[in-house]
Amino acid sequence: MDELGRRVLVVAFDGWNDAGEAASAAVSHIRESGAYREAFGVDPELYFDYQYTRPQVRLEADGSRRLVWPDATLWRPLHPAPAVGVGDDTTEGTRLWLLSGFEPARAWQAFVAELIDAALREDITGIVALGSMMSDVPHTRPISVFAGSENDALRAALDLEKPTYEGPAGILTVLATAAEAAGIPCAALWASVPHYVAGHTPSPKATLALLDRLTELTGAVVPRGELPAESLAWEASIDAAASDDEEMTDYIHQLEQTRDTWDSPEASGDAIAQEFERYLRRGGDGPRGFGHGPGPGSEGPRRS
């Protein structure tokens, strides 16, 4: 935990990096669970295409309307973190700064440079980027979270993996690269969201999995609130919908078998490969989801 320091910035962006809204919901949950003040915000005119990310009209309590523009905002915690340790050995716990907003449409390097400068002004000691990706995983099993870093010291200290993904990059990758260049160590957490529901409903079970892993990495205290109950309700609602669709039920059962094989203690590389080949022969793409939503994607380092 000390490798990330005690002033950790947690980052999530809406859009490409945010299947099932799991990552952005995690940051929103942290902010709503504490007291925060805006420390920095980008000028939306410089980075957003309003035909792609349109401003929203909101109604106020008095009936008036206002425009809310797309943004990216850095939030500073207002209170010290609870002390950790015992007796005279107590130290200040980890405080979480938050960065949330929309993935920009242009000028990514300038966008990231502004945010890194703001993080340095806040004396941020480490960054954890949150993302979520559509994956061929069942909703009935624990949500897998890929935890990785390009930083050798972080990988050794926190038992993280070195990402091997190649392909189109999102803003989280650009931000992490700039953070490391500025001397701020960065880790990434990616939750795997079942593709057959990721495009249709928020995924509180994935949000909860990200928060659990974030707590393990940073030691920060994050109340879970209603998330455990919401996760159970989410799973039950998918069970109910799948029970009326024989093809979907069979497909979820196939995913469960594959996941159980990978998770079993006796699983070897050959056994996993054989099970995966059987899964592909059965037609690995499976149904496109409830309501014919998006199929499997590759929105981050892919891992089941």
Protein backbone atom coordinates (compact mmCIF):
# COMPACT_ATOMS: atom_id res chain seq x y z
CA MET A 1 0.00 0.00 0.00
CA ASP A 2 2.81 2.41 0.85
CA GLU A 3 4.07 2.23 -2.71
CA LEU A 4 1.07 4.29 -3.82
CA GLY A 5 1.47 6.67 -0.87
CA ARG A 6 -1.26 8.21 1.25
CA ARG A 7 -2.64 10.70 -1.30
CA VAL A 8 -4.09 8.52 -4.03
CA LEU A 9 -6.01 9.78 -7.05
CA VAL A 10 -8.78 7.44 -8.26
CA VAL A 11 -9.70 7.98 -11.91
CA ALA A 12 -12.65 6.90 -14.05
CA PHE A 13 -14.14 8.24 -17.27
CA ASP A 14 -17.53 7.69 -18.85
CA GLY A 15 -17.60 6.09 -22.28
CA TRP A 16 -15.28 3.56 -23.88
CA ASN A 17 -13.58 2.65 -20.59
CA ASP A 18 -16.83 2.14 -18.65
CA ALA A 19 -18.85 -0.97 -19.56
CA GLY A 20 -21.93 -1.26 -17.39
CA GLU A 21 -21.04 2.16 -15.91
CA ALA A 22 -19.08 0.18 -13.30
CA ALA A 23 -16.00 2.41 -13.10
CA SER A 24 -17.73 5.79 -13.15
CA ALA A 25 -20.26 4.52 -10.59
CA ALA A 26 -17.39 3.51 -8.28
CA VAL A 27 -15.97 7.04 -8.29
CA SER A 28 -19.45 8.55 -7.85
CA HIS A 29 -20.06 6.23 -4.90
CA ILE A 30 -16.83 7.33 -3.20
CA ARG A 31 -17.67 11.01 -3.68
CA GLU A 32 -21.22 10.58 -2.39
CA SER A 33 -19.88 8.68 0.65
CA GLY A 34 -17.60 11.53 1.76
CA ALA A 35 -17.06 15.27 1.64
CA TYR A 36 -15.32 16.64 -1.46
CA ARG A 37 -14.63 19.99 -3.05
CA GLU A 38 -13.76 20.70 -6.66
CA ALA A 39 -10.03 21.32 -7.01
CA PHE A 40 -9.72 21.62 -10.78
CA GLY A 41 -11.81 21.35 -13.93
CA VAL A 42 -10.88 21.49 -17.59
CA ASP A 43 -12.38 23.97 -20.04
CA PRO A 44 -14.91 21.83 -21.98
CA GLU A 45 -14.63 24.02 -25.07
CA LEU A 46 -11.09 22.75 -25.62
CA TYR A 47 -11.65 19.02 -25.44
CA PHE A 48 -15.23 17.94 -26.15
CA ASP A 49 -17.21 17.60 -29.35
CA TYR A 50 -20.73 18.61 -28.39
CA GLN A 51 -22.27 16.67 -31.27
CA TYR A 52 -20.74 13.53 -29.76
CA THR A 53 -21.03 14.37 -26.05
CA ARG A 54 -23.94 16.78 -25.85
CA PRO A 55 -24.67 19.13 -22.96
CA GLN A 56 -27.66 18.07 -20.88
CA VAL A 57 -30.69 20.13 -19.84
CA ARG A 58 -31.54 19.69 -16.15
CA LEU A 59 -34.54 20.90 -14.16
CA GLU A 60 -33.80 22.66 -10.86
CA ALA A 61 -35.92 22.33 -7.73
CA ASP A 62 -37.54 25.70 -8.45
CA GLY A 63 -38.59 24.57 -11.94
CA SER A 64 -35.90 26.51 -13.80
CA ARG A 65 -33.72 24.79 -16.38
CA ARG A 66 -29.95 24.85 -16.70
CA LEU A 67 -27.37 23.44 -19.07
CA VAL A 68 -24.80 20.95 -17.75
CA TRP A 69 -21.72 20.72 -19.95
CA PRO A 70 -19.46 17.68 -20.30
CA ASP A 71 -16.46 17.99 -18.03
CA ALA A 72 -13.49 16.37 -16.32
CA THR A 73 -13.13 17.38 -12.68
CA LEU A 74 -10.58 16.71 -9.95
CA TRP A 75 -12.12 16.46 -6.47
CA ARG A 76 -10.22 17.02 -3.20
CA PRO A 77 -11.28 15.30 0.06
CA LEU A 78 -12.18 17.77 2.79
CA HIS A 79 -11.38 15.64 5.83
CA PRO A 80 -8.32 13.68 6.99
CA ALA A 81 -8.40 9.93 6.61
CA PRO A 82 -8.92 7.81 9.74
CA ALA A 83 -5.64 6.84 11.41
CA VAL A 84 -4.35 3.31 10.93
CA GLY A 85 -2.23 1.23 13.29
CA VAL A 86 -2.24 0.53 17.01
CA GLY A 87 -1.21 2.70 19.95
CA ASP A 88 1.81 4.91 19.30
CA ASP A 89 2.34 3.32 15.89
CA THR A 90 -0.71 4.96 14.28
CA THR A 91 -0.29 6.96 11.09
CA GLU A 92 -2.65 8.89 8.87
CA GLY A 93 -4.62 6.61 6.59
CA THR A 94 -4.95 6.90 2.83
CA ARG A 95 -6.96 9.79 1.43
CA LEU A 96 -8.63 9.45 -1.95
CA TRP A 97 -8.74 12.27 -4.47
CA LEU A 98 -11.13 11.68 -7.38
CA LEU A 99 -10.99 12.44 -11.09
CA SER A 100 -14.11 11.82 -13.14
CA GLY A 101 -15.69 13.03 -16.33
CA PHE A 102 -16.02 12.24 -20.01
CA GLU A 103 -13.39 10.87 -22.34
CA PRO A 104 -12.32 13.85 -24.51
CA ALA A 105 -12.90 13.99 -28.25
CA ARG A 106 -9.66 15.81 -29.13
CA ALA A 107 -6.33 17.15 -27.84
CA TRP A 108 -5.75 14.17 -25.56
CA GLN A 109 -2.14 15.04 -24.78
CA ALA A 110 -3.02 18.59 -23.73
CA PHE A 111 -6.00 17.28 -21.75
CA VAL A 112 -3.84 14.82 -19.83
CA ALA A 113 -1.07 17.38 -19.30
CA GLU A 114 -3.56 19.69 -17.55
CA LEU A 115 -4.77 16.90 -15.30
CA ILE A 116 -1.26 15.72 -14.40
CA ASP A 117 -0.25 19.29 -13.54
CA ALA A 118 -3.31 19.52 -11.27
CA ALA A 119 -2.39 16.19 -9.63
CA LEU A 120 1.15 17.42 -8.95
CA ARG A 121 -0.22 20.61 -7.37
CA GLU A 122 -2.31 18.40 -5.07
CA ASP A 123 0.83 16.38 -4.12
CA ILE A 124 -0.75 13.16 -5.38
CA THR A 125 1.52 10.21 -4.53
CA GLY A 126 -0.13 7.50 -6.63
CA ILE A 127 -2.93 6.93 -9.13
CA VAL A 128 -5.39 4.06 -9.52
CA ALA A 129 -7.29 4.07 -12.80
CA LEU A 130 -10.63 2.24 -12.86
CA GLY A 131 -12.11 0.72 -15.99
CA SER A 132 -14.64 -1.93 -16.95
CA MET A 133 -14.86 -4.04 -20.08
CA MET A 134 -17.41 -6.30 -21.72
CA SER A 135 -16.26 -9.91 -21.39
CA ASP A 136 -17.43 -13.48 -21.93
CA VAL A 137 -18.10 -14.07 -18.22
CA PRO A 138 -21.21 -15.21 -16.31
CA HIS A 139 -23.08 -12.83 -14.04
CA THR A 140 -23.52 -15.61 -11.47
CA ARG A 141 -19.85 -15.84 -10.51
CA PRO A 142 -17.60 -13.31 -8.71
CA ILE A 143 -16.60 -10.42 -10.96
CA SER A 144 -13.01 -10.77 -12.17
CA VAL A 145 -10.83 -7.68 -11.76
CA PHE A 146 -7.58 -7.36 -13.68
CA ALA A 147 -5.02 -5.48 -11.55
CA GLY A 148 -1.98 -4.32 -13.47
CA SER A 149 0.73 -1.71 -13.76
CA GLU A 150 3.62 -0.74 -16.01
CA ASN A 151 5.54 0.26 -12.87
CA ASP A 152 8.01 -2.45 -11.84
CA ALA A 153 8.03 -1.43 -8.16
CA LEU A 154 4.25 -1.45 -7.89
CA ARG A 155 4.00 -4.85 -9.55
CA ALA A 156 6.52 -6.36 -7.14
CA ALA A 157 5.06 -4.77 -4.01
CA LEU A 158 1.36 -5.22 -4.75
CA ASP A 159 1.43 -8.45 -6.78
CA LEU A 160 0.10 -6.77 -9.91
CA GLU A 161 0.35 -8.04 -13.46
CA LYS A 162 2.12 -6.47 -16.41
CA PRO A 163 -0.49 -5.61 -19.08
CA THR A 164 -0.03 -7.39 -22.39
CA TYR A 165 -2.98 -5.86 -24.26
CA GLU A 166 -2.26 -4.44 -27.72
CA GLY A 167 -4.78 -2.41 -29.68
CA PRO A 168 -6.74 0.84 -29.51
CA ALA A 169 -6.07 2.77 -26.30
CA GLY A 170 -8.44 4.74 -24.13
CA ILE A 171 -7.80 7.90 -22.16
CA LEU A 172 -6.86 5.86 -19.06
CA THR A 173 -3.80 4.49 -20.85
CA VAL A 174 -2.76 7.96 -22.01
CA LEU A 175 -3.18 9.33 -18.49
CA ALA A 176 -1.24 6.46 -16.90
CA THR A 177 1.64 6.90 -19.34
CA ALA A 178 1.84 10.63 -18.57
CA ALA A 179 1.60 9.99 -14.82
CA GLU A 180 4.53 7.57 -14.84
CA ALA A 181 6.57 10.06 -16.89
CA ALA A 182 5.83 12.69 -14.23
CA GLY A 183 6.96 10.38 -11.44
CA ILE A 184 3.53 9.36 -10.15
CA PRO A 185 3.18 5.55 -9.94
CA CYS A 186 0.00 4.26 -11.52
CA ALA A 187 -2.00 1.04 -11.24
CA ALA A 188 -5.10 0.02 -13.18
CA LEU A 189 -8.13 -2.04 -12.17
CA TRP A 190 -10.42 -3.43 -14.90
CA ALA A 191 -13.63 -5.24 -14.04
CA SER A 192 -15.03 -7.84 -16.44
CA VAL A 193 -18.75 -7.21 -17.00
CA PRO A 194 -20.92 -9.86 -18.70
CA HIS A 195 -21.33 -8.65 -22.26
CA TYR A 196 -24.96 -9.77 -22.49
CA VAL A 197 -26.00 -7.15 -19.93
CA ALA A 198 -23.23 -4.54 -20.05
CA GLY A 199 -24.92 -2.34 -22.62
CA HIS A 200 -28.35 -2.31 -21.00
CA THR A 201 -28.10 -1.66 -17.28
CA PRO A 202 -25.61 -0.43 -14.66
CA SER A 203 -23.64 -3.26 -13.05
CA PRO A 204 -23.42 -2.68 -9.27
CA LYS A 205 -21.76 -6.07 -8.78
CA ALA A 206 -18.81 -4.90 -10.93
CA THR A 207 -18.74 -1.55 -9.11
CA LEU A 208 -18.55 -3.39 -5.78
CA ALA A 209 -15.73 -5.62 -7.07
CA LEU A 210 -13.72 -2.55 -8.14
CA LEU A 211 -14.18 -0.91 -4.74
CA ASP A 212 -13.15 -4.09 -2.93
CA ARG A 213 -9.95 -4.33 -4.99
CA LEU A 214 -9.28 -0.60 -4.58
CA THR A 215 -9.48 -1.01 -0.81
CA GLU A 216 -6.99 -3.88 -0.96
CA LEU A 217 -4.52 -1.80 -2.99
CA THR A 218 -4.76 1.45 -1.06
CA GLY A 219 -6.02 0.62 2.42
CA ALA A 220 -8.54 3.47 2.08
CA VAL A 221 -11.83 3.20 3.96
CA VAL A 222 -14.75 3.22 1.50
CA PRO A 223 -18.26 2.58 2.87
CA ARG A 224 -20.17 0.13 0.67
CA GLY A 225 -23.62 1.51 1.48
CA GLU A 226 -26.40 -0.21 -0.49
CA LEU A 227 -24.07 -1.73 -3.09
CA PRO A 228 -24.14 -5.30 -1.68
CA ALA A 229 -27.95 -5.34 -1.74
CA GLU A 230 -28.04 -3.74 -5.19
CA SER A 231 -25.61 -6.37 -6.47
CA LEU A 232 -27.85 -9.20 -5.27
CA ALA A 233 -30.89 -7.55 -6.84
CA TRP A 234 -28.99 -7.06 -10.13
CA GLU A 235 -28.04 -10.73 -10.26
CA ALA A 236 -31.58 -11.84 -9.40
CA SER A 237 -33.08 -9.65 -12.12
CA ILE A 238 -30.79 -11.21 -14.74
CA ASP A 239 -31.65 -14.68 -13.47
CA ALA A 240 -35.34 -13.88 -13.91
CA ALA A 241 -34.86 -12.53 -17.43
CA ALA A 242 -32.70 -15.49 -18.48
CA SER A 243 -35.21 -18.01 -17.15
CA ASP A 244 -37.57 -17.04 -19.98
CA ASP A 245 -34.89 -17.48 -22.67
CA GLU A 246 -33.68 -21.05 -23.18
CA GLU A 247 -30.83 -20.00 -25.48
CA MET A 248 -29.57 -17.46 -22.96
CA THR A 249 -29.86 -19.95 -20.10
CA ASP A 250 -27.75 -22.50 -22.00
CA TYR A 251 -25.19 -19.87 -22.90
CA ILE A 252 -24.82 -18.69 -19.29
CA HIS A 253 -24.39 -22.32 -18.21
CA GLN A 254 -21.54 -22.70 -20.72
CA LEU A 255 -19.87 -19.60 -19.33
CA GLU A 256 -20.24 -20.94 -15.80
CA GLN A 257 -18.59 -24.23 -16.75
CA THR A 258 -15.67 -22.42 -18.36
CA ARG A 259 -15.23 -20.06 -15.40
CA ASP A 260 -15.39 -22.93 -12.89
CA THR A 261 -12.72 -24.81 -14.83
CA TRP A 262 -10.41 -21.79 -14.81
CA ASP A 263 -10.98 -21.19 -11.09
CA SER A 264 -10.56 -24.78 -9.92
CA PRO A 265 -7.39 -25.49 -7.84
CA GLU A 266 -6.42 -28.42 -10.05
CA ALA A 267 -6.75 -26.44 -13.28
CA SER A 268 -3.65 -26.61 -15.47
CA GLY A 269 -2.81 -24.57 -18.52
CA ASP A 270 -3.70 -27.54 -20.74
CA ALA A 271 -7.04 -28.08 -19.00
CA ILE A 272 -7.96 -24.44 -19.35
CA ALA A 273 -6.98 -24.47 -23.02
CA GLN A 274 -9.05 -27.59 -23.65
CA GLU A 275 -12.10 -26.14 -21.92
CA PHE A 276 -11.73 -22.91 -23.89
CA GLU A 277 -11.52 -24.87 -27.15
CA ARG A 278 -14.70 -26.75 -26.22
CA TYR A 279 -16.36 -23.43 -25.45
CA LEU A 280 -15.40 -22.09 -28.88
CA ARG A 281 -16.65 -25.23 -30.62
CA ARG A 282 -20.01 -24.76 -28.90
CA GLY A 283 -20.21 -21.32 -30.45
CA GLY A 284 -18.34 -19.05 -28.09
CA ASP A 285 -19.90 -15.80 -29.22
CA GLY A 286 -23.20 -16.80 -27.68
CA PRO A 287 -26.37 -14.73 -27.80
CA ARG A 288 -25.96 -11.00 -28.25
CA GLY A 289 -27.71 -10.26 -24.99
CA PHE A 290 -31.08 -9.25 -23.66
CA GLY A 291 -32.75 -6.94 -26.13
CA HIS A 292 -30.07 -7.68 -28.78
CA GLY A 293 -27.47 -5.45 -27.21
CA PRO A 294 -23.77 -5.28 -27.99
CA GLY A 295 -21.78 -8.48 -28.14
CA PRO A 296 -18.39 -9.21 -26.58
CA GLY A 297 -15.95 -6.33 -26.66
CA SER A 298 -12.29 -5.70 -25.89
CA GLU A 299 -12.27 -2.48 -23.91
CA GLY A 300 -9.18 -3.06 -21.86
CA PRO A 301 -6.69 -5.74 -20.84
CA ARG A 302 -8.77 -8.82 -21.52
CA ARG A 303 -8.93 -11.40 -18.76
CA SER A 304 -11.71 -13.70 -17.59
